[in-house]
């Protein structure tokens, strides 16, 4: 599955253009990071990809389909987004992950595939508590 932003345009209001002709490709089973100075549009791109906002021009496609044609449920079965302002709950590492991923077999497969070294190295592993 491939995610494509193609000449994407977006503004929160008519006077302030936030994204102008932004294009990039993110491929399945690869990590794609959006890096840049504060205010350059990273969070705006994530908000568009997650359908919190609709883009003004261009397109965002997953597997060749425009995301406006994909249900939100189906969209989040295909992508995972980590925002910079992450909320952690007073629960274990595993429970915090489960909040976003409800399908246990896929979650276990993901842990094995990506060899989550950080959680494995914690004294309590995935069951270690997270405190705010």
C-alpha atoms as a PDB file:
ATOM      1  CA  UNK A   1       0.000   0.000   0.000  1.00  0.00           C
ATOM      2  CA  UNK A   2       1.333   3.433  -0.899  1.00  0.00           C
ATOM      3  CA  UNK A   3       0.240   6.822   0.423  1.00  0.00           C
ATOM      4  CA  UNK A   4       0.712   9.730  -1.989  1.00  0.00           C
ATOM      5  CA  UNK A   5       0.282  13.435  -1.392  1.00  0.00           C
ATOM      6  CA  UNK A   6       0.070  14.989  -4.824  1.00  0.00           C
ATOM      7  CA  UNK A   7       0.393  18.773  -5.196  1.00  0.00           C
ATOM      8  CA  UNK A   8      -1.636  19.208  -2.011  1.00  0.00           C
ATOM      9  CA  UNK A   9      -3.021  22.660  -1.156  1.00  0.00           C
ATOM     10  CA  UNK A  10      -4.475  23.682   2.193  1.00  0.00           C
ATOM     11  CA  UNK A  11      -5.338  26.725   4.266  1.00  0.00           C
ATOM     12  CA  UNK A  12      -7.161  27.042   7.581  1.00  0.00           C
ATOM     13  CA  UNK A  13      -8.677  30.290   6.323  1.00  0.00           C
ATOM     14  CA  UNK A  14      -8.801  31.994   2.944  1.00  0.00           C
ATOM     15  CA  UNK A  15      -6.011  34.453   3.828  1.00  0.00           C
ATOM     16  CA  UNK A  16      -3.289  32.100   5.091  1.00  0.00           C
ATOM     17  CA  UNK A  17      -1.972  29.392   2.783  1.00  0.00           C
ATOM     18  CA  UNK A  18      -0.426  26.622   4.898  1.00  0.00           C
ATOM     19  CA  UNK A  19       0.503  24.052   2.235  1.00  0.00           C
ATOM     20  CA  UNK A  20       1.237  24.832  -1.394  1.00  0.00           C
ATOM     21  CA  UNK A  21       1.849  22.017  -3.890  1.00  0.00           C
ATOM     22  CA  UNK A  22       3.191  19.558  -1.303  1.00  0.00           C
ATOM     23  CA  UNK A  23       3.979  16.114  -2.709  1.00  0.00           C
ATOM     24  CA  UNK A  24       5.570  13.000  -1.202  1.00  0.00           C
ATOM     25  CA  UNK A  25       5.183   9.230  -1.110  1.00  0.00           C
ATOM     26  CA  UNK A  26       5.091   6.974   1.969  1.00  0.00           C
ATOM     27  CA  UNK A  27       5.444   3.233   1.371  1.00  0.00           C
ATOM     28  CA  UNK A  28       4.044   0.346   3.389  1.00  0.00           C
ATOM     29  CA  UNK A  29       6.456  -1.289   5.863  1.00  0.00           C
ATOM     30  CA  UNK A  30       8.672   1.783   5.854  1.00  0.00           C
ATOM     31  CA  UNK A  31       8.790   4.558   8.441  1.00  0.00           C
ATOM     32  CA  UNK A  32       8.124   8.007   7.030  1.00  0.00           C
ATOM     33  CA  UNK A  33       8.964  10.998   9.217  1.00  0.00           C
ATOM     34  CA  UNK A  34       7.910  14.584   8.557  1.00  0.00           C
ATOM     35  CA  UNK A  35      10.707  16.815   9.804  1.00  0.00           C
ATOM     36  CA  UNK A  36      10.963  20.591   9.679  1.00  0.00           C
ATOM     37  CA  UNK A  37      10.927  23.830  11.610  1.00  0.00           C
ATOM     38  CA  UNK A  38       7.964  24.783  13.748  1.00  0.00           C
ATOM     39  CA  UNK A  39       5.083  26.080  11.645  1.00  0.00           C
ATOM     40  CA  UNK A  40       6.183  24.524   8.335  1.00  0.00           C
ATOM     41  CA  UNK A  41       3.036  22.360   8.014  1.00  0.00           C
ATOM     42  CA  UNK A  42       3.959  18.953   9.488  1.00  0.00           C
ATOM     43  CA  UNK A  43       0.950  18.765  11.804  1.00  0.00           C
ATOM     44  CA  UNK A  44      -1.319  20.169   9.096  1.00  0.00           C
ATOM     45  CA  UNK A  45      -0.270  17.329   6.770  1.00  0.00           C
ATOM     46  CA  UNK A  46      -1.067  14.766   9.474  1.00  0.00           C
ATOM     47  CA  UNK A  47      -4.439  16.385  10.101  1.00  0.00           C
ATOM     48  CA  UNK A  48      -5.210  16.162   6.395  1.00  0.00           C
ATOM     49  CA  UNK A  49      -4.067  12.541   6.183  1.00  0.00           C
ATOM     50  CA  UNK A  50      -6.292  11.648   9.134  1.00  0.00           C
ATOM     51  CA  UNK A  51      -9.275  13.528   7.639  1.00  0.00           C
ATOM     52  CA  UNK A  52      -9.529  15.978  10.529  1.00  0.00           C
ATOM     53  CA  UNK A  53      -9.536  18.574   7.740  1.00  0.00           C
ATOM     54  CA  UNK A  54     -10.091  18.321   3.994  1.00  0.00           C
ATOM     55  CA  UNK A  55      -7.484  19.656   1.610  1.00  0.00           C
ATOM     56  CA  UNK A  56      -8.293  22.487  -0.810  1.00  0.00           C
ATOM     57  CA  UNK A  57      -6.531  21.132  -3.896  1.00  0.00           C
ATOM     58  CA  UNK A  58      -4.412  18.305  -5.197  1.00  0.00           C
ATOM     59  CA  UNK A  59      -5.052  14.877  -3.722  1.00  0.00           C
ATOM     60  CA  UNK A  60      -4.121  12.441  -0.996  1.00  0.00           C
ATOM     61  CA  UNK A  61      -4.304   8.821  -2.121  1.00  0.00           C
ATOM     62  CA  UNK A  62      -3.897   5.468  -0.406  1.00  0.00           C
ATOM     63  CA  UNK A  63      -3.533   2.509  -2.703  1.00  0.00           C
ATOM     64  CA  UNK A  64      -4.633   4.732  -5.582  1.00  0.00           C
ATOM     65  CA  UNK A  65      -7.909   5.781  -3.890  1.00  0.00           C
ATOM     66  CA  UNK A  66      -8.540   9.363  -2.842  1.00  0.00           C
ATOM     67  CA  UNK A  67      -8.894   9.451   0.966  1.00  0.00           C
ATOM     68  CA  UNK A  68     -12.136  11.405   0.565  1.00  0.00           C
ATOM     69  CA  UNK A  69     -13.590   8.199  -0.911  1.00  0.00           C
ATOM     70  CA  UNK A  70     -12.413   6.004   2.003  1.00  0.00           C
ATOM     71  CA  UNK A  71     -14.406   5.685   5.247  1.00  0.00           C
ATOM     72  CA  UNK A  72     -12.628   6.909   8.373  1.00  0.00           C
ATOM     73  CA  UNK A  73     -12.759   3.394   9.861  1.00  0.00           C
ATOM     74  CA  UNK A  74     -11.188   1.870   6.773  1.00  0.00           C
ATOM     75  CA  UNK A  75      -8.610   4.677   6.613  1.00  0.00           C
ATOM     76  CA  UNK A  76      -7.348   4.006  10.146  1.00  0.00           C
ATOM     77  CA  UNK A  77      -7.105   0.287   9.428  1.00  0.00           C
ATOM     78  CA  UNK A  78      -4.532   1.185   6.757  1.00  0.00           C
ATOM     79  CA  UNK A  79      -2.441   3.922   8.394  1.00  0.00           C
ATOM     80  CA  UNK A  80      -1.036   4.839  11.791  1.00  0.00           C
ATOM     81  CA  UNK A  81      -0.203   8.424  12.673  1.00  0.00           C
ATOM     82  CA  UNK A  82       1.751   9.660  15.688  1.00  0.00           C
ATOM     83  CA  UNK A  83       1.167  13.341  16.406  1.00  0.00           C
ATOM     84  CA  UNK A  84       3.722  15.455  18.256  1.00  0.00           C
ATOM     85  CA  UNK A  85       1.254  16.134  21.083  1.00  0.00           C
ATOM     86  CA  UNK A  86       0.741  12.527  22.183  1.00  0.00           C
ATOM     87  CA  UNK A  87      -1.569  11.700  25.086  1.00  0.00           C
ATOM     88  CA  UNK A  88      -0.568   8.781  27.285  1.00  0.00           C
ATOM     89  CA  UNK A  89      -2.983   7.227  29.734  1.00  0.00           C
ATOM     90  CA  UNK A  90      -2.135   6.127  33.275  1.00  0.00           C
ATOM     91  CA  UNK A  91      -1.945   2.463  32.241  1.00  0.00           C
ATOM     92  CA  UNK A  92       0.605  -0.012  30.926  1.00  0.00           C
ATOM     93  CA  UNK A  93       2.561   0.424  27.701  1.00  0.00           C
ATOM     94  CA  UNK A  94       0.457  -2.381  26.215  1.00  0.00           C
ATOM     95  CA  UNK A  95      -2.863  -0.811  27.248  1.00  0.00           C
ATOM     96  CA  UNK A  96      -1.822   2.536  25.749  1.00  0.00           C
ATOM     97  CA  UNK A  97      -1.053   0.770  22.466  1.00  0.00           C
ATOM     98  CA  UNK A  98      -4.332  -1.184  22.600  1.00  0.00           C
ATOM     99  CA  UNK A  99      -6.308   2.051  22.754  1.00  0.00           C
ATOM    100  CA  UNK A 100      -5.236   2.724  19.183  1.00  0.00           C
ATOM    101  CA  UNK A 101      -5.128  -0.874  17.954  1.00  0.00           C
ATOM    102  CA  UNK A 102      -8.078  -3.032  18.967  1.00  0.00           C
ATOM    103  CA  UNK A 103      -7.144  -6.118  16.945  1.00  0.00           C
ATOM    104  CA  UNK A 104      -4.824  -8.209  19.137  1.00  0.00           C
ATOM    105  CA  UNK A 105      -3.542 -10.673  16.486  1.00  0.00           C
ATOM    106  CA  UNK A 106      -2.386  -7.792  14.280  1.00  0.00           C
ATOM    107  CA  UNK A 107      -0.861  -6.047  17.279  1.00  0.00           C
ATOM    108  CA  UNK A 108       1.198  -9.126  18.208  1.00  0.00           C
ATOM    109  CA  UNK A 109       2.320  -9.520  14.598  1.00  0.00           C
ATOM    110  CA  UNK A 110       3.384  -5.862  14.538  1.00  0.00           C
ATOM    111  CA  UNK A 111       5.421  -6.317  17.749  1.00  0.00           C
ATOM    112  CA  UNK A 112       7.228  -9.333  16.268  1.00  0.00           C
ATOM    113  CA  UNK A 113       7.846  -7.677  12.885  1.00  0.00           C
ATOM    114  CA  UNK A 114       9.211  -4.446  14.276  1.00  0.00           C
ATOM    115  CA  UNK A 115      11.091  -5.924  17.273  1.00  0.00           C
ATOM    116  CA  UNK A 116      10.025  -3.222  19.722  1.00  0.00           C
ATOM    117  CA  UNK A 117      13.344  -2.957  21.605  1.00  0.00           C
ATOM    118  CA  UNK A 118      12.336  -0.005  23.775  1.00  0.00           C
ATOM    119  CA  UNK A 119       9.427  -1.774  25.491  1.00  0.00           C
ATOM    120  CA  UNK A 120      11.380  -5.033  25.737  1.00  0.00           C
ATOM    121  CA  UNK A 121      14.153  -3.216  27.628  1.00  0.00           C
ATOM    122  CA  UNK A 122      11.800  -1.738  30.216  1.00  0.00           C
ATOM    123  CA  UNK A 123      11.915  -3.532  33.564  1.00  0.00           C
ATOM    124  CA  UNK A 124       8.223  -4.429  33.273  1.00  0.00           C
ATOM    125  CA  UNK A 125       8.190  -4.888  29.487  1.00  0.00           C
ATOM    126  CA  UNK A 126       4.872  -4.085  27.828  1.00  0.00           C
ATOM    127  CA  UNK A 127       3.121  -4.406  31.195  1.00  0.00           C
ATOM    128  CA  UNK A 128       5.167  -1.583  32.738  1.00  0.00           C
ATOM    129  CA  UNK A 129       2.999   1.305  33.878  1.00  0.00           C
ATOM    130  CA  UNK A 130       3.137   4.755  32.381  1.00  0.00           C
ATOM    131  CA  UNK A 131       2.628   7.691  34.722  1.00  0.00           C
ATOM    132  CA  UNK A 132       2.023  11.237  33.595  1.00  0.00           C
END
